[in-house]
Amino acid sequence: MAKPKKKLPERSVDIICAKCKTILFKYKKGGKGALVKCFKERIMTDYTNTPCECPSCGNVFARETLVRGTPAYKIIGGKAAMK
């Protein structure tokens, strides 16, 4: 499979915790589908203290994986949302 495009997408979204509505990070999202994975290279601002964990409620919202050879966070269904 091909790697993700090097040029960052135009659209910027806030990723929030579904439980407490705290902003987790600002992300450059491509496409108009649901939030399934977040490539680490597209994260503009990271508000988390420990990877994949909400800083305020401690909810684990993702897992660290490799997607097409690129480091990414795989979002656990219903734990994080776009704003």
PDB file of N, CA and C in Angstrom:
ATOM      1  N   MET A   1       0.824  -1.196   0.000  1.00  0.00           N
ATOM      2  CA  MET A   1       0.000   0.000   0.000  1.00  0.00           C
ATOM      3  C   MET A   1       0.862   1.251   0.000  1.00  0.00           C
ATOM      4  N   ALA A   2       0.296   2.317  -0.485  1.00  0.00           N
ATOM      5  CA  ALA A   2       1.024   3.578  -0.577  1.00  0.00           C
ATOM      6  C   ALA A   2       1.042   4.306   0.763  1.00  0.00           C
ATOM      7  N   LYS A   3       2.095   5.078   0.977  1.00  0.00           N
ATOM      8  CA  LYS A   3       2.195   5.901   2.184  1.00  0.00           C
ATOM      9  C   LYS A   3       1.246   7.084   2.057  1.00  0.00           C
ATOM     10  N   PRO A   4       0.875   7.745   3.182  1.00  0.00           N
ATOM     11  CA  PRO A   4       0.027   8.936   3.086  1.00  0.00           C
ATOM     12  C   PRO A   4       0.759  10.067   2.367  1.00  0.00           C
ATOM     13  N   LYS A   5       0.013  10.967   1.755  1.00  0.00           N
ATOM     14  CA  LYS A   5       0.601  12.081   1.006  1.00  0.00           C
ATOM     15  C   LYS A   5       1.454  12.953   1.913  1.00  0.00           C
ATOM     16  N   LYS A   6       2.571  13.440   1.374  1.00  0.00           N
ATOM     17  CA  LYS A   6       3.483  14.287   2.150  1.00  0.00           C
ATOM     18  C   LYS A   6       2.880  15.661   2.417  1.00  0.00           C
ATOM     19  N   LYS A   7       2.141  16.204   1.427  1.00  0.00           N
ATOM     20  CA  LYS A   7       1.527  17.522   1.589  1.00  0.00           C
ATOM     21  C   LYS A   7       0.351  17.418   2.566  1.00  0.00           C
ATOM     22  N   LEU A   8       0.357  18.266   3.589  1.00  0.00           N
ATOM     23  CA  LEU A   8      -0.710  18.222   4.591  1.00  0.00           C
ATOM     24  C   LEU A   8      -2.031  18.704   4.008  1.00  0.00           C
ATOM     25  N   PRO A   9      -3.150  18.095   4.422  1.00  0.00           N
ATOM     26  CA  PRO A   9      -4.473  18.547   3.963  1.00  0.00           C
ATOM     27  C   PRO A   9      -4.788  19.958   4.461  1.00  0.00           C
ATOM     28  N   GLU A  10      -5.711  20.609   3.795  1.00  0.00           N
ATOM     29  CA  GLU A  10      -6.125  21.966   4.148  1.00  0.00           C
ATOM     30  C   GLU A  10      -6.952  22.004   5.430  1.00  0.00           C
ATOM     31  N   ARG A  11      -7.813  21.002   5.612  1.00  0.00           N
ATOM     32  CA  ARG A  11      -8.784  21.000   6.707  1.00  0.00           C
ATOM     33  C   ARG A  11      -8.123  20.710   8.050  1.00  0.00           C
ATOM     34  N   SER A  12      -8.371  21.578   9.015  1.00  0.00           N
ATOM     35  CA  SER A  12      -7.849  21.389  10.362  1.00  0.00           C
ATOM     36  C   SER A  12      -9.033  21.174  11.312  1.00  0.00           C
ATOM     37  N   VAL A  13      -8.951  20.128  12.138  1.00  0.00           N
ATOM     38  CA  VAL A  13     -10.034  19.819  13.073  1.00  0.00           C
ATOM     39  C   VAL A  13      -9.471  19.673  14.482  1.00  0.00           C
ATOM     40  N   ASP A  14     -10.344  19.860  15.482  1.00  0.00           N
ATOM     41  CA  ASP A  14      -9.992  19.607  16.872  1.00  0.00           C
ATOM     42  C   ASP A  14     -10.466  18.206  17.223  1.00  0.00           C
ATOM     43  N   ILE A  15      -9.597  17.411  17.825  1.00  0.00           N
ATOM     44  CA  ILE A  15      -9.964  16.079  18.306  1.00  0.00           C
ATOM     45  C   ILE A  15     -10.220  16.220  19.798  1.00  0.00           C
ATOM     46  N   ILE A  16     -11.442  15.846  20.235  1.00  0.00           N
ATOM     47  CA  ILE A  16     -11.821  16.010  21.640  1.00  0.00           C
ATOM     48  C   ILE A  16     -12.147  14.656  22.271  1.00  0.00           C
ATOM     49  N   CYS A  17     -12.008  14.590  23.582  1.00  0.00           N
ATOM     50  CA  CYS A  17     -12.386  13.402  24.343  1.00  0.00           C
ATOM     51  C   CYS A  17     -13.914  13.316  24.358  1.00  0.00           C
ATOM     52  N   ALA A  18     -14.467  12.156  24.053  1.00  0.00           N
ATOM     53  CA  ALA A  18     -15.918  11.992  24.014  1.00  0.00           C
ATOM     54  C   ALA A  18     -16.526  12.015  25.415  1.00  0.00           C
ATOM     55  N   LYS A  19     -15.730  11.699  26.419  1.00  0.00           N
ATOM     56  CA  LYS A  19     -16.239  11.611  27.790  1.00  0.00           C
ATOM     57  C   LYS A  19     -16.315  12.987  28.458  1.00  0.00           C
ATOM     58  N   CYS A  20     -15.203  13.752  28.415  1.00  0.00           N
ATOM     59  CA  CYS A  20     -15.155  15.025  29.154  1.00  0.00           C
ATOM     60  C   CYS A  20     -15.039  16.261  28.259  1.00  0.00           C
ATOM     61  N   LYS A  21     -14.992  16.081  26.934  1.00  0.00           N
ATOM     62  CA  LYS A  21     -14.942  17.173  25.942  1.00  0.00           C
ATOM     63  C   LYS A  21     -13.663  18.017  26.010  1.00  0.00           C
ATOM     64  N   THR A  22     -12.565  17.480  26.527  1.00  0.00           N
ATOM     65  CA  THR A  22     -11.277  18.171  26.561  1.00  0.00           C
ATOM     66  C   THR A  22     -10.604  18.044  25.196  1.00  0.00           C
ATOM     67  N   ILE A  23      -9.979  19.112  24.706  1.00  0.00           N
ATOM     68  CA  ILE A  23      -9.270  19.060  23.430  1.00  0.00           C
ATOM     69  C   ILE A  23      -8.004  18.222  23.600  1.00  0.00           C
ATOM     70  N   LEU A  24      -7.841  17.214  22.743  1.00  0.00           N
ATOM     71  CA  LEU A  24      -6.682  16.323  22.791  1.00  0.00           C
ATOM     72  C   LEU A  24      -5.582  16.799  21.850  1.00  0.00           C
ATOM     73  N   PHE A  25      -5.947  17.116  20.598  1.00  0.00           N
ATOM     74  CA  PHE A  25      -4.998  17.725  19.671  1.00  0.00           C
ATOM     75  C   PHE A  25      -5.679  18.354  18.475  1.00  0.00           C
ATOM     76  N   LYS A  26      -4.930  19.247  17.788  1.00  0.00           N
ATOM     77  CA  LYS A  26      -5.358  19.827  16.521  1.00  0.00           C
ATOM     78  C   LYS A  26      -4.736  18.969  15.438  1.00  0.00           C
ATOM     79  N   TYR A  27      -5.547  18.600  14.427  1.00  0.00           N
ATOM     80  CA  TYR A  27      -5.138  17.603  13.447  1.00  0.00           C
ATOM     81  C   TYR A  27      -5.526  18.045  12.041  1.00  0.00           C
ATOM     82  N   LYS A  28      -4.645  17.817  11.083  1.00  0.00           N
ATOM     83  CA  LYS A  28      -4.922  18.103   9.666  1.00  0.00           C
ATOM     84  C   LYS A  28      -5.542  16.860   9.046  1.00  0.00           C
ATOM     85  N   LYS A  29      -6.866  16.867   8.901  1.00  0.00           N
ATOM     86  CA  LYS A  29      -7.587  15.686   8.424  1.00  0.00           C
ATOM     87  C   LYS A  29      -7.862  15.775   6.932  1.00  0.00           C
ATOM     88  N   GLY A  30      -7.604  14.685   6.248  1.00  0.00           N
ATOM     89  CA  GLY A  30      -7.934  14.582   4.835  1.00  0.00           C
ATOM     90  C   GLY A  30      -9.223  13.790   4.670  1.00  0.00           C
ATOM     91  N   GLY A  31     -10.020  14.138   3.684  1.00  0.00           N
ATOM     92  CA  GLY A  31     -11.263  13.414   3.417  1.00  0.00           C
ATOM     93  C   GLY A  31     -12.406  13.863   4.311  1.00  0.00           C
ATOM     94  N   LYS A  32     -13.581  13.280   4.071  1.00  0.00           N
ATOM     95  CA  LYS A  32     -14.769  13.700   4.816  1.00  0.00           C
ATOM     96  C   LYS A  32     -15.383  12.570   5.635  1.00  0.00           C
ATOM     97  N   GLY A  33     -14.652  11.476   5.802  1.00  0.00           N
ATOM     98  CA  GLY A  33     -15.164  10.330   6.539  1.00  0.00           C
ATOM     99  C   GLY A  33     -15.008  10.477   8.043  1.00  0.00           C
ATOM    100  N   ALA A  34     -15.343   9.411   8.738  1.00  0.00           N
ATOM    101  CA  ALA A  34     -15.257   9.378  10.198  1.00  0.00           C
ATOM    102  C   ALA A  34     -13.792   9.351  10.642  1.00  0.00           C
ATOM    103  N   LEU A  35     -13.560   9.667  11.899  1.00  0.00           N
ATOM    104  CA  LEU A  35     -12.215   9.649  12.468  1.00  0.00           C
ATOM    105  C   LEU A  35     -11.860   8.221  12.866  1.00  0.00           C
ATOM    106  N   VAL A  36     -10.928   7.603  12.135  1.00  0.00           N
ATOM    107  CA  VAL A  36     -10.535   6.225  12.385  1.00  0.00           C
ATOM    108  C   VAL A  36      -9.103   6.167  12.893  1.00  0.00           C
ATOM    109  N   LYS A  37      -8.230   6.944  12.251  1.00  0.00           N
ATOM    110  CA  LYS A  37      -6.815   6.974  12.633  1.00  0.00           C
ATOM    111  C   LYS A  37      -6.283   8.386  12.488  1.00  0.00           C
ATOM    112  N   CYS A  38      -5.238   8.679  13.254  1.00  0.00           N
ATOM    113  CA  CYS A  38      -4.571   9.973  13.188  1.00  0.00           C
ATOM    114  C   CYS A  38      -3.088   9.729  12.977  1.00  0.00           C
ATOM    115  N   PHE A  39      -2.560  10.139  11.816  1.00  0.00           N
ATOM    116  CA  PHE A  39      -1.131  10.026  11.568  1.00  0.00           C
ATOM    117  C   PHE A  39      -0.404  11.044  12.440  1.00  0.00           C
ATOM    118  N   LYS A  40       0.677  10.611  13.101  1.00  0.00           N
ATOM    119  CA  LYS A  40       1.410  11.481  14.022  1.00  0.00           C
ATOM    120  C   LYS A  40       2.003  12.690  13.315  1.00  0.00           C
ATOM    121  N   GLU A  41       2.389  12.537  12.045  1.00  0.00           N
ATOM    122  CA  GLU A  41       2.995  13.650  11.317  1.00  0.00           C
ATOM    123  C   GLU A  41       1.984  14.745  10.970  1.00  0.00           C
ATOM    124  N   ARG A  42       0.694  14.451  11.043  1.00  0.00           N
ATOM    125  CA  ARG A  42      -0.342  15.447  10.749  1.00  0.00           C
ATOM    126  C   ARG A  42      -0.864  16.160  11.991  1.00  0.00           C
ATOM    127  N   ILE A  43      -0.432  15.751  13.184  1.00  0.00           N
ATOM    128  CA  ILE A  43      -0.866  16.410  14.415  1.00  0.00           C
ATOM    129  C   ILE A  43      -0.129  17.738  14.534  1.00  0.00           C
ATOM    130  N   MET A  44      -0.870  18.832  14.588  1.00  0.00           N
ATOM    131  CA  MET A  44      -0.271  20.161  14.650  1.00  0.00           C
ATOM    132  C   MET A  44       0.077  20.548  16.088  1.00  0.00           C
ATOM    133  N   THR A  45      -0.866  20.385  17.013  1.00  0.00           N
ATOM    134  CA  THR A  45      -0.656  20.712  18.422  1.00  0.00           C
ATOM    135  C   THR A  45      -1.170  19.552  19.263  1.00  0.00           C
ATOM    136  N   ASP A  46      -0.325  19.047  20.147  1.00  0.00           N
ATOM    137  CA  ASP A  46      -0.686  17.913  20.999  1.00  0.00           C
ATOM    138  C   ASP A  46      -0.863  18.408  22.433  1.00  0.00           C
ATOM    139  N   TYR A  47      -2.067  18.229  22.983  1.00  0.00           N
ATOM    140  CA  TYR A  47      -2.376  18.681  24.343  1.00  0.00           C
ATOM    141  C   TYR A  47      -2.299  17.558  25.373  1.00  0.00           C
ATOM    142  N   THR A  48      -1.963  16.331  24.955  1.00  0.00           N
ATOM    143  CA  THR A  48      -1.914  15.208  25.884  1.00  0.00           C
ATOM    144  C   THR A  48      -0.552  15.136  26.575  1.00  0.00           C
ATOM    145  N   ASN A  49      -0.546  14.638  27.813  1.00  0.00           N
ATOM    146  CA  ASN A  49       0.699  14.462  28.564  1.00  0.00           C
ATOM    147  C   ASN A  49       1.332  13.112  28.257  1.00  0.00           C
ATOM    148  N   THR A  50       0.514  12.062  28.254  1.00  0.00           N
ATOM    149  CA  THR A  50       0.971  10.735  27.871  1.00  0.00           C
ATOM    150  C   THR A  50       0.228  10.340  26.600  1.00  0.00           C
ATOM    151  N   PRO A  51       0.885   9.647  25.671  1.00  0.00           N
ATOM    152  CA  PRO A  51       0.237   9.289  24.400  1.00  0.00           C
ATOM    153  C   PRO A  51      -1.039   8.465  24.609  1.00  0.00           C
ATOM    154  N   CYS A  52      -2.051   8.782  23.839  1.00  0.00           N
ATOM    155  CA  CYS A  52      -3.319   8.037  23.786  1.00  0.00           C
ATOM    156  C   CYS A  52      -4.129   8.100  25.074  1.00  0.00           C
ATOM    157  N   GLU A  53      -3.896   9.070  25.936  1.00  0.00           N
ATOM    158  CA  GLU A  53      -4.630   9.184  27.190  1.00  0.00           C
ATOM    159  C   GLU A  53      -5.085  10.628  27.402  1.00  0.00           C
ATOM    160  N   CYS A  54      -6.350  10.803  27.764  1.00  0.00           N
ATOM    161  CA  CYS A  54      -6.903  12.139  28.014  1.00  0.00           C
ATOM    162  C   CYS A  54      -6.233  12.747  29.250  1.00  0.00           C
ATOM    163  N   PRO A  55      -5.784  14.016  29.172  1.00  0.00           N
ATOM    164  CA  PRO A  55      -5.102  14.622  30.318  1.00  0.00           C
ATOM    165  C   PRO A  55      -6.007  14.912  31.514  1.00  0.00           C
ATOM    166  N   SER A  56      -7.313  15.100  31.288  1.00  0.00           N
ATOM    167  CA  SER A  56      -8.184  15.456  32.412  1.00  0.00           C
ATOM    168  C   SER A  56      -8.884  14.256  33.047  1.00  0.00           C
ATOM    169  N   CYS A  57      -9.410  13.325  32.240  1.00  0.00           N
ATOM    170  CA  CYS A  57     -10.160  12.201  32.828  1.00  0.00           C
ATOM    171  C   CYS A  57      -9.394  10.884  32.793  1.00  0.00           C
ATOM    172  N   GLY A  58      -8.268  10.814  32.093  1.00  0.00           N
ATOM    173  CA  GLY A  58      -7.473   9.595  32.052  1.00  0.00           C
ATOM    174  C   GLY A  58      -8.012   8.512  31.134  1.00  0.00           C
ATOM    175  N   ASN A  59      -8.999   8.847  30.302  1.00  0.00           N
ATOM    176  CA  ASN A  59      -9.609   7.911  29.378  1.00  0.00           C
ATOM    177  C   ASN A  59      -8.616   7.549  28.262  1.00  0.00           C
ATOM    178  N   VAL A  60      -8.399   6.267  27.998  1.00  0.00           N
ATOM    179  CA  VAL A  60      -7.545   5.838  26.892  1.00  0.00           C
ATOM    180  C   VAL A  60      -8.390   5.858  25.624  1.00  0.00           C
ATOM    181  N   PHE A  61      -8.015   6.712  24.652  1.00  0.00           N
ATOM    182  CA  PHE A  61      -8.846   6.920  23.464  1.00  0.00           C
ATOM    183  C   PHE A  61      -8.271   6.308  22.191  1.00  0.00           C
ATOM    184  N   ALA A  62      -7.013   5.821  22.207  1.00  0.00           N
ATOM    185  CA  ALA A  62      -6.400   5.276  20.993  1.00  0.00           C
ATOM    186  C   ALA A  62      -5.285   4.298  21.336  1.00  0.00           C
ATOM    187  N   ARG A  63      -4.770   3.641  20.273  1.00  0.00           N
ATOM    188  CA  ARG A  63      -3.613   2.756  20.383  1.00  0.00           C
ATOM    189  C   ARG A  63      -2.565   3.214  19.379  1.00  0.00           C
ATOM    190  N   GLU A  64      -1.287   3.106  19.759  1.00  0.00           N
ATOM    191  CA  GLU A  64      -0.211   3.448  18.829  1.00  0.00           C
ATOM    192  C   GLU A  64       0.038   2.264  17.902  1.00  0.00           C
ATOM    193  N   THR A  65       0.022   2.526  16.573  1.00  0.00           N
ATOM    194  CA  THR A  65       0.252   1.477  15.583  1.00  0.00           C
ATOM    195  C   THR A  65       1.047   2.032  14.413  1.00  0.00           C
ATOM    196  N   LEU A  66       1.371   1.155  13.486  1.00  0.00           N
ATOM    197  CA  LEU A  66       1.943   1.542  12.205  1.00  0.00           C
ATOM    198  C   LEU A  66       0.879   1.311  11.145  1.00  0.00           C
ATOM    199  N   VAL A  67       0.544   2.356  10.386  1.00  0.00           N
ATOM    200  CA  VAL A  67      -0.415   2.245   9.299  1.00  0.00           C
ATOM    201  C   VAL A  67       0.343   2.568   8.016  1.00  0.00           C
ATOM    202  N   ARG A  68       0.429   1.601   7.112  1.00  0.00           N
ATOM    203  CA  ARG A  68       1.191   1.749   5.854  1.00  0.00           C
ATOM    204  C   ARG A  68       2.631   2.178   6.108  1.00  0.00           C
ATOM    205  N   GLY A  69       3.220   1.698   7.188  1.00  0.00           N
ATOM    206  CA  GLY A  69       4.604   2.011   7.506  1.00  0.00           C
ATOM    207  C   GLY A  69       4.824   3.356   8.161  1.00  0.00           C
ATOM    208  N   THR A  70       3.741   4.051   8.526  1.00  0.00           N
ATOM    209  CA  THR A  70       3.825   5.370   9.145  1.00  0.00           C
ATOM    210  C   THR A  70       3.229   5.311  10.551  1.00  0.00           C
ATOM    211  N   PRO A  71       3.892   5.885  11.572  1.00  0.00           N
ATOM    212  CA  PRO A  71       3.334   5.876  12.931  1.00  0.00           C
ATOM    213  C   PRO A  71       1.996   6.620  13.001  1.00  0.00           C
ATOM    214  N   ALA A  72       1.042   6.015  13.692  1.00  0.00           N
ATOM    215  CA  ALA A  72      -0.295   6.605  13.784  1.00  0.00           C
ATOM    216  C   ALA A  72      -0.959   6.196  15.091  1.00  0.00           C
ATOM    217  N   TYR A  73      -2.033   6.919  15.440  1.00  0.00           N
ATOM    218  CA  TYR A  73      -2.902   6.543  16.552  1.00  0.00           C
ATOM    219  C   TYR A  73      -4.168   5.966  15.945  1.00  0.00           C
ATOM    220  N   LYS A  74      -4.522   4.750  16.331  1.00  0.00           N
ATOM    221  CA  LYS A  74      -5.756   4.122  15.879  1.00  0.00           C
ATOM    222  C   LYS A  74      -6.821   4.419  16.932  1.00  0.00           C
ATOM    223  N   ILE A  75      -7.844   5.177  16.586  1.00  0.00           N
ATOM    224  CA  ILE A  75      -8.862   5.634  17.525  1.00  0.00           C
ATOM    225  C   ILE A  75      -9.787   4.485  17.912  1.00  0.00           C
ATOM    226  N   ILE A  76     -10.016   4.314  19.208  1.00  0.00           N
ATOM    227  CA  ILE A  76     -10.964   3.318  19.709  1.00  0.00           C
ATOM    228  C   ILE A  76     -12.365   3.899  19.520  1.00  0.00           C
ATOM    229  N   GLY A  77     -13.271   3.105  18.962  1.00  0.00           N
ATOM    230  CA  GLY A  77     -14.605   3.556  18.608  1.00  0.00           C
ATOM    231  C   GLY A  77     -15.350   4.250  19.732  1.00  0.00           C
ATOM    232  N   GLY A  78     -15.781   5.487  19.503  1.00  0.00           N
ATOM    233  CA  GLY A  78     -16.579   6.241  20.464  1.00  0.00           C
ATOM    234  C   GLY A  78     -15.821   6.927  21.568  1.00  0.00           C
ATOM    235  N   LYS A  79     -14.496   6.815  21.616  1.00  0.00           N
ATOM    236  CA  LYS A  79     -13.704   7.413  22.693  1.00  0.00           C
ATOM    237  C   LYS A  79     -13.241   8.833  22.377  1.00  0.00           C
ATOM    238  N   ALA A  80     -13.131   9.176  21.087  1.00  0.00           N
ATOM    239  CA  ALA A  80     -12.712  10.517  20.675  1.00  0.00           C
ATOM    240  C   ALA A  80     -13.608  10.978  19.535  1.00  0.00           C
ATOM    241  N   ALA A  81     -13.735  12.299  19.389  1.00  0.00           N
ATOM    242  CA  ALA A  81     -14.599  12.856  18.356  1.00  0.00           C
ATOM    243  C   ALA A  81     -13.940  14.068  17.716  1.00  0.00           C
ATOM    244  N   MET A  82     -14.447  14.435  16.537  1.00  0.00           N
ATOM    245  CA  MET A  82     -13.983  15.638  15.849  1.00  0.00           C
ATOM    246  C   MET A  82     -14.886  16.809  16.187  1.00  0.00           C
ATOM    247  N   LYS A  83     -14.306  17.989  16.179  1.00  0.00           N
ATOM    248  CA  LYS A  83     -15.106  19.195  16.418  1.00  0.00           C
ATOM    249  C   LYS A  83     -14.787  20.189  15.346  1.00  0.00           C
TER     250      LYS A  83
END
